[in-house]
């Protein structure tokens, strides 16, 4: 049996353009919408990319999402819960748009 950790984050860590992209299914990776936000799978860098530059390129239109994924990796999380009532992380910028 496996137990997984998730990072609970406010949707304010994503600008409006990225939130729209998540709603439209344009973001790379495994994204699962729910009523108040999204579940985002935190992939291992080695699973999908040869290096961080390839990851940067794929997430070019989603830099705030990529920052959240990298933060979740630092904390050993396998999922991110982006929730309108989620927590603010001082290590990540916030967006009010």
C-alpha atoms as a PDB file:
ATOM      1  CA  UNK A   1       0.000   0.000   0.000  1.00  0.00           C
ATOM      2  CA  UNK A   2       1.315   3.426  -0.936  1.00  0.00           C
ATOM      3  CA  UNK A   3       0.603   6.688   0.826  1.00  0.00           C
ATOM      4  CA  UNK A   4       1.145   9.948  -1.032  1.00  0.00           C
ATOM      5  CA  UNK A   5       1.634  13.506   0.140  1.00  0.00           C
ATOM      6  CA  UNK A   6       0.030  16.460  -1.585  1.00  0.00           C
ATOM      7  CA  UNK A   7       0.782  20.164  -1.512  1.00  0.00           C
ATOM      8  CA  UNK A   8      -2.297  22.265  -0.749  1.00  0.00           C
ATOM      9  CA  UNK A   9      -1.940  25.560  -2.648  1.00  0.00           C
ATOM     10  CA  UNK A  10      -4.158  28.508  -3.381  1.00  0.00           C
ATOM     11  CA  UNK A  11      -5.199  29.081  -6.978  1.00  0.00           C
ATOM     12  CA  UNK A  12      -3.819  32.612  -6.410  1.00  0.00           C
ATOM     13  CA  UNK A  13      -0.402  31.142  -7.200  1.00  0.00           C
ATOM     14  CA  UNK A  14      -1.496  30.937 -10.858  1.00  0.00           C
ATOM     15  CA  UNK A  15      -2.236  33.936 -13.084  1.00  0.00           C
ATOM     16  CA  UNK A  16      -5.628  34.061 -14.775  1.00  0.00           C
ATOM     17  CA  UNK A  17      -4.150  32.954 -18.128  1.00  0.00           C
ATOM     18  CA  UNK A  18      -2.805  29.743 -16.578  1.00  0.00           C
ATOM     19  CA  UNK A  19      -6.058  29.037 -14.744  1.00  0.00           C
ATOM     20  CA  UNK A  20      -7.888  29.379 -18.069  1.00  0.00           C
ATOM     21  CA  UNK A  21      -5.383  27.019 -19.684  1.00  0.00           C
ATOM     22  CA  UNK A  22      -6.032  24.431 -16.966  1.00  0.00           C
ATOM     23  CA  UNK A  23      -9.787  24.764 -17.531  1.00  0.00           C
ATOM     24  CA  UNK A  24      -9.332  24.300 -21.272  1.00  0.00           C
ATOM     25  CA  UNK A  25      -7.041  21.294 -20.879  1.00  0.00           C
ATOM     26  CA  UNK A  26      -4.063  23.053 -22.474  1.00  0.00           C
ATOM     27  CA  UNK A  27      -1.551  22.448 -19.676  1.00  0.00           C
ATOM     28  CA  UNK A  28       0.936  19.609 -19.989  1.00  0.00           C
ATOM     29  CA  UNK A  29       0.841  16.757 -17.525  1.00  0.00           C
ATOM     30  CA  UNK A  30      -1.929  15.062 -15.592  1.00  0.00           C
ATOM     31  CA  UNK A  31      -4.493  17.629 -14.444  1.00  0.00           C
ATOM     32  CA  UNK A  32      -7.808  16.682 -12.828  1.00  0.00           C
ATOM     33  CA  UNK A  33     -10.349  19.508 -12.422  1.00  0.00           C
ATOM     34  CA  UNK A  34     -12.815  19.644  -9.554  1.00  0.00           C
ATOM     35  CA  UNK A  35     -15.362  22.229  -8.445  1.00  0.00           C
ATOM     36  CA  UNK A  36     -12.904  24.631  -6.752  1.00  0.00           C
ATOM     37  CA  UNK A  37      -9.653  24.014  -8.612  1.00  0.00           C
ATOM     38  CA  UNK A  38      -7.436  21.224  -9.881  1.00  0.00           C
ATOM     39  CA  UNK A  39      -5.422  18.224  -8.806  1.00  0.00           C
ATOM     40  CA  UNK A  40      -2.020  18.264 -10.533  1.00  0.00           C
ATOM     41  CA  UNK A  41       0.253  15.236 -10.679  1.00  0.00           C
ATOM     42  CA  UNK A  42       3.858  16.016  -9.755  1.00  0.00           C
ATOM     43  CA  UNK A  43       5.912  14.056 -12.255  1.00  0.00           C
ATOM     44  CA  UNK A  44       9.508  13.125 -11.643  1.00  0.00           C
ATOM     45  CA  UNK A  45      11.857  15.127 -13.856  1.00  0.00           C
ATOM     46  CA  UNK A  46      13.626  11.988 -15.083  1.00  0.00           C
ATOM     47  CA  UNK A  47      10.334  10.365 -16.133  1.00  0.00           C
ATOM     48  CA  UNK A  48       9.524  12.903 -18.801  1.00  0.00           C
ATOM     49  CA  UNK A  49      12.582  14.987 -19.637  1.00  0.00           C
ATOM     50  CA  UNK A  50      16.271  14.617 -20.238  1.00  0.00           C
ATOM     51  CA  UNK A  51      16.933  17.897 -18.432  1.00  0.00           C
ATOM     52  CA  UNK A  52      15.272  20.907 -16.842  1.00  0.00           C
ATOM     53  CA  UNK A  53      15.517  22.910 -20.096  1.00  0.00           C
ATOM     54  CA  UNK A  54      13.114  20.484 -21.799  1.00  0.00           C
ATOM     55  CA  UNK A  55      10.706  20.843 -18.900  1.00  0.00           C
ATOM     56  CA  UNK A  56      10.978  24.656 -19.088  1.00  0.00           C
ATOM     57  CA  UNK A  57      10.160  24.492 -22.801  1.00  0.00           C
ATOM     58  CA  UNK A  58       7.087  22.295 -22.365  1.00  0.00           C
ATOM     59  CA  UNK A  59       5.739  24.529 -19.579  1.00  0.00           C
ATOM     60  CA  UNK A  60       6.600  27.754 -21.433  1.00  0.00           C
ATOM     61  CA  UNK A  61       2.964  28.935 -21.227  1.00  0.00           C
ATOM     62  CA  UNK A  62       2.602  27.703 -17.627  1.00  0.00           C
ATOM     63  CA  UNK A  63       5.615  29.020 -15.675  1.00  0.00           C
ATOM     64  CA  UNK A  64       3.678  29.487 -12.420  1.00  0.00           C
ATOM     65  CA  UNK A  65       2.361  25.923 -12.632  1.00  0.00           C
ATOM     66  CA  UNK A  66       5.897  24.673 -13.228  1.00  0.00           C
ATOM     67  CA  UNK A  67       7.122  26.636 -10.189  1.00  0.00           C
ATOM     68  CA  UNK A  68       4.403  24.967  -8.097  1.00  0.00           C
ATOM     69  CA  UNK A  69       5.397  21.534  -9.440  1.00  0.00           C
ATOM     70  CA  UNK A  70       9.043  22.173  -8.593  1.00  0.00           C
ATOM     71  CA  UNK A  71       8.070  23.370  -5.108  1.00  0.00           C
ATOM     72  CA  UNK A  72       6.007  20.225  -4.572  1.00  0.00           C
ATOM     73  CA  UNK A  73       8.991  18.110  -5.668  1.00  0.00           C
ATOM     74  CA  UNK A  74      11.191  19.879  -3.092  1.00  0.00           C
ATOM     75  CA  UNK A  75       8.668  18.918  -0.417  1.00  0.00           C
ATOM     76  CA  UNK A  76       8.351  15.294  -1.549  1.00  0.00           C
ATOM     77  CA  UNK A  77       4.763  15.597  -2.769  1.00  0.00           C
ATOM     78  CA  UNK A  78       3.277  13.546  -5.594  1.00  0.00           C
ATOM     79  CA  UNK A  79       0.198  15.743  -6.092  1.00  0.00           C
ATOM     80  CA  UNK A  80      -0.769  19.409  -5.822  1.00  0.00           C
ATOM     81  CA  UNK A  81      -4.243  20.465  -4.779  1.00  0.00           C
ATOM     82  CA  UNK A  82      -4.783  23.887  -6.351  1.00  0.00           C
ATOM     83  CA  UNK A  83      -7.841  25.088  -4.480  1.00  0.00           C
ATOM     84  CA  UNK A  84      -9.510  28.490  -4.282  1.00  0.00           C
ATOM     85  CA  UNK A  85      -9.323  28.160  -0.471  1.00  0.00           C
ATOM     86  CA  UNK A  86      -5.862  26.576  -0.487  1.00  0.00           C
ATOM     87  CA  UNK A  87      -2.812  27.759   1.416  1.00  0.00           C
ATOM     88  CA  UNK A  88      -0.419  30.477   0.277  1.00  0.00           C
ATOM     89  CA  UNK A  89       3.230  29.459   0.081  1.00  0.00           C
ATOM     90  CA  UNK A  90       5.723  32.274   0.749  1.00  0.00           C
ATOM     91  CA  UNK A  91       8.161  30.609  -1.665  1.00  0.00           C
ATOM     92  CA  UNK A  92       5.799  31.147  -4.643  1.00  0.00           C
ATOM     93  CA  UNK A  93       4.497  34.411  -6.132  1.00  0.00           C
ATOM     94  CA  UNK A  94       0.783  35.207  -6.009  1.00  0.00           C
ATOM     95  CA  UNK A  95      -1.414  36.730  -8.710  1.00  0.00           C
ATOM     96  CA  UNK A  96      -4.495  38.865  -8.190  1.00  0.00           C
ATOM     97  CA  UNK A  97      -5.683  38.968 -11.785  1.00  0.00           C
END
